[in-house]
Each structure stands twice: as structure tokens, then as C-alpha cells.
Amino acid sequence: NTALIVIDMQTDFCGVGGYVDKMGYDISLTRKPIEPIRKVMDAMRKAGYHIMHTREGHRPDLSDLPANKRWRSCQIGTEGKGIGDKGPCGRILVRGEEGWNIIPELAPLEGETIIDKPGKGSFYATDLDMVLKMKGIQNIILC
């Protein structure tokens, strides 16, 4: 009745060559937890626990992207680029683009649940609550 949920370990956020990296930020901070998370995932997989992953991203037509979020992303982006604009790994935080993918080091195994979400919250506008209930999960560990 326990699941590990790995939150937003995506190329755009923590991948070498991803959007945050190309913006000039020190991604060592977002990459630092990769190995500890991998070790926890491996141990929990071996013990038979549920493993889940989340990905933040928007529909290709950006119909689920609030205007203020787009505006904010352009203010902090490189050269005014923000969510939906062409980035180093495809359109930034757009579902289906290379940068939206979970990094290879923490890639989901076949059958592991992936929750796609249009914002930072994993419960808002997602089916996470339903999935947890359907799997009988009462305890979650967040990474």
C-alpha cells in the first residue's frame, strides 16, 4: 500500500542540454538527487513497491497554459523564451517534446504509472488521486 512518486525529473529541468541548463543555471543542484533517487527506486522496485513518476507539461496547442504562467516563464527565460517556445530540446515543457521526457537515469520501467500534469501540483488537473485509490495506496514517498 506504499508508492514512491518521483516528481518532474525531466530533461528541461535537470537534463544536460535541457532548457534550464541552456538558460545558464547551475543544474548540479537539480542533478544532485539523481543518484540517491535511483538507489531508492532500485531498492523499492526490488521490494515490489509501486513506482510512479510525474511530468510537468502542456498540450501542444497550449490550451491548458494560463496566460500568467506563460508570461512569467518568458520573464525568466533566455532571450524572452518561455513555455511553448522552441528550446534546445523541442518546445519548452510541451507534451511529447524531447525536453518533456523523464531523464534516462530515472526512466520509468514498463508498467510504471506516469502522471502528466499542467502545473507544479501533482493532484491538480490530474488523475493521481484516482490512481492512488484504485491501487490501494495509502502511503507515498516523494522524491
Protein backbone atom coordinates (compact mmCIF):
# COMPACT_ATOMS: atom_id res chain seq x y z
CA ASN A 1 0.00 0.00 0.00
CA THR A 2 3.03 2.29 -0.47
CA ALA A 3 4.29 4.07 -3.57
CA LEU A 4 7.34 6.09 -4.48
CA ILE A 5 6.47 9.14 -6.58
CA VAL A 6 9.38 10.70 -8.47
CA ILE A 7 8.49 14.30 -9.29
CA ASP A 8 9.36 16.01 -12.59
CA MET A 9 12.84 14.62 -13.24
CA GLN A 10 12.66 15.84 -16.84
CA THR A 11 15.26 16.88 -19.38
CA ASP A 12 14.03 20.50 -19.43
CA PHE A 13 14.59 20.74 -15.65
CA CYS A 14 17.64 18.62 -14.89
CA GLY A 15 18.99 17.16 -18.11
CA VAL A 16 22.32 18.17 -19.60
CA GLY A 17 21.44 20.30 -22.62
CA GLY A 18 17.88 20.88 -21.43
CA TYR A 19 16.13 24.22 -21.09
CA VAL A 20 17.32 25.08 -17.55
CA ASP A 21 20.87 24.09 -18.48
CA LYS A 22 20.81 26.23 -21.62
CA MET A 23 19.44 29.17 -19.61
CA GLY A 24 22.79 29.18 -17.83
CA TYR A 25 21.64 27.90 -14.45
CA ASP A 26 23.85 25.56 -12.47
CA ILE A 27 21.99 22.28 -12.95
CA SER A 28 24.25 20.49 -10.50
CA LEU A 29 21.58 21.39 -7.92
CA THR A 30 18.80 19.63 -9.84
CA ARG A 31 21.10 16.76 -10.83
CA LYS A 32 22.46 16.14 -7.33
CA PRO A 33 19.49 13.98 -6.23
CA ILE A 34 19.57 11.75 -9.33
CA GLU A 35 21.83 9.05 -7.89
CA PRO A 36 20.12 8.91 -4.47
CA ILE A 37 16.70 8.75 -6.18
CA ARG A 38 17.96 5.97 -8.47
CA LYS A 39 19.14 3.98 -5.46
CA VAL A 40 15.78 4.40 -3.69
CA MET A 41 13.92 3.43 -6.90
CA ASP A 42 16.06 0.33 -7.35
CA ALA A 43 15.51 -0.80 -3.77
CA MET A 44 11.78 -0.16 -3.89
CA ARG A 45 11.43 -1.92 -7.25
CA LYS A 46 13.24 -4.97 -5.86
CA ALA A 47 10.93 -4.95 -2.82
CA GLY A 48 7.84 -4.81 -5.06
CA TYR A 49 6.60 -1.31 -4.26
CA HIS A 50 4.68 0.84 -6.72
CA ILE A 51 6.81 3.38 -8.55
CA MET A 52 5.18 6.43 -10.10
CA HIS A 53 6.54 9.40 -11.99
CA THR A 54 5.19 12.86 -12.76
CA ARG A 55 5.89 15.09 -15.73
CA GLU A 56 5.01 18.76 -15.99
CA GLY A 57 4.00 19.75 -19.48
CA HIS A 58 1.32 21.35 -21.57
CA ARG A 59 -0.80 20.36 -24.54
CA PRO A 60 0.81 21.20 -27.89
CA ASP A 61 -1.85 23.87 -28.51
CA LEU A 62 -1.12 25.34 -25.02
CA SER A 63 -4.84 25.37 -24.23
CA ASP A 64 -4.03 24.31 -20.65
CA LEU A 65 -1.39 27.02 -20.11
CA PRO A 66 -2.66 30.04 -18.17
CA ALA A 67 -1.57 33.36 -19.68
CA ASN A 68 0.12 34.49 -16.46
CA LYS A 69 2.22 31.30 -16.30
CA ARG A 70 3.33 31.78 -19.90
CA TRP A 71 4.17 35.42 -19.21
CA ARG A 72 6.19 34.52 -16.09
CA SER A 73 8.10 31.83 -17.97
CA CYS A 74 9.07 34.38 -20.64
CA GLN A 75 10.35 36.80 -17.99
CA ILE A 76 12.82 34.29 -16.57
CA GLY A 77 13.65 32.58 -19.85
CA THR A 78 16.66 33.13 -22.07
CA GLU A 79 16.02 35.81 -24.70
CA GLY A 80 12.38 36.01 -23.62
CA LYS A 81 11.69 32.37 -24.44
CA GLY A 82 9.21 30.58 -22.25
CA ILE A 83 6.84 27.63 -22.13
CA GLY A 84 5.77 26.62 -25.62
CA ASP A 85 8.66 28.32 -27.41
CA LYS A 86 11.35 26.41 -29.26
CA GLY A 87 14.07 25.40 -26.82
CA PRO A 88 17.19 23.24 -27.04
CA CYS A 89 15.13 20.02 -26.81
CA GLY A 90 11.98 20.97 -28.70
CA ARG A 91 9.18 23.20 -27.49
CA ILE A 92 9.70 24.02 -23.81
CA LEU A 93 7.51 21.96 -21.43
CA VAL A 94 5.24 20.73 -24.21
CA ARG A 95 3.99 17.18 -24.02
CA GLY A 96 5.71 14.87 -26.47
CA GLU A 97 8.83 17.01 -26.90
CA GLU A 98 12.30 15.70 -26.04
CA GLY A 99 12.76 18.11 -23.12
CA TRP A 100 9.47 16.94 -21.57
CA ASN A 101 10.76 13.38 -21.22
CA ILE A 102 11.97 11.94 -17.94
CA ILE A 103 15.77 11.75 -17.87
CA PRO A 104 17.23 8.36 -18.88
CA GLU A 105 18.87 7.82 -15.48
CA LEU A 106 15.41 7.68 -13.84
CA ALA A 107 13.32 6.46 -16.76
CA PRO A 108 10.12 4.62 -15.88
CA LEU A 109 10.03 0.89 -16.44
CA GLU A 110 7.22 -0.62 -18.46
CA GLY A 111 4.06 -0.66 -16.38
CA GLU A 112 5.08 2.13 -14.01
CA THR A 113 2.50 4.89 -13.73
CA ILE A 114 3.25 8.30 -15.23
CA ILE A 115 1.11 11.25 -14.18
CA ASP A 116 1.11 14.11 -16.66
CA LYS A 117 0.25 17.46 -15.17
CA PRO A 118 -0.13 21.01 -16.48
CA GLY A 119 1.47 22.66 -13.46
CA LYS A 120 3.55 22.16 -10.39
CA GLY A 121 0.87 20.39 -8.35
CA SER A 122 0.59 16.64 -8.84
CA PHE A 123 -3.05 16.46 -7.76
CA TYR A 124 -4.48 19.49 -9.60
CA ALA A 125 -5.93 18.64 -13.03
CA THR A 126 -4.57 15.05 -12.89
CA ASP A 127 -5.85 11.58 -12.13
CA LEU A 128 -3.27 10.93 -9.38
CA ASP A 129 -5.86 10.72 -6.61
CA MET A 130 -7.91 8.18 -8.56
CA VAL A 131 -4.81 6.11 -9.44
CA LEU A 132 -3.71 6.01 -5.79
CA LYS A 133 -7.17 4.90 -4.68
CA MET A 134 -7.51 2.28 -7.44
CA LYS A 135 -4.12 0.77 -6.50
CA GLY A 136 -4.97 0.84 -2.78
CA ILE A 137 -2.06 3.13 -1.99
CA GLN A 138 -2.27 4.79 1.40
CA ASN A 139 1.35 5.91 1.85
CA ILE A 140 3.51 7.90 -0.55
CA ILE A 141 7.20 8.65 -0.55
CA LEU A 142 8.13 11.72 -2.60
CA CYS A 143 11.40 12.21 -4.43
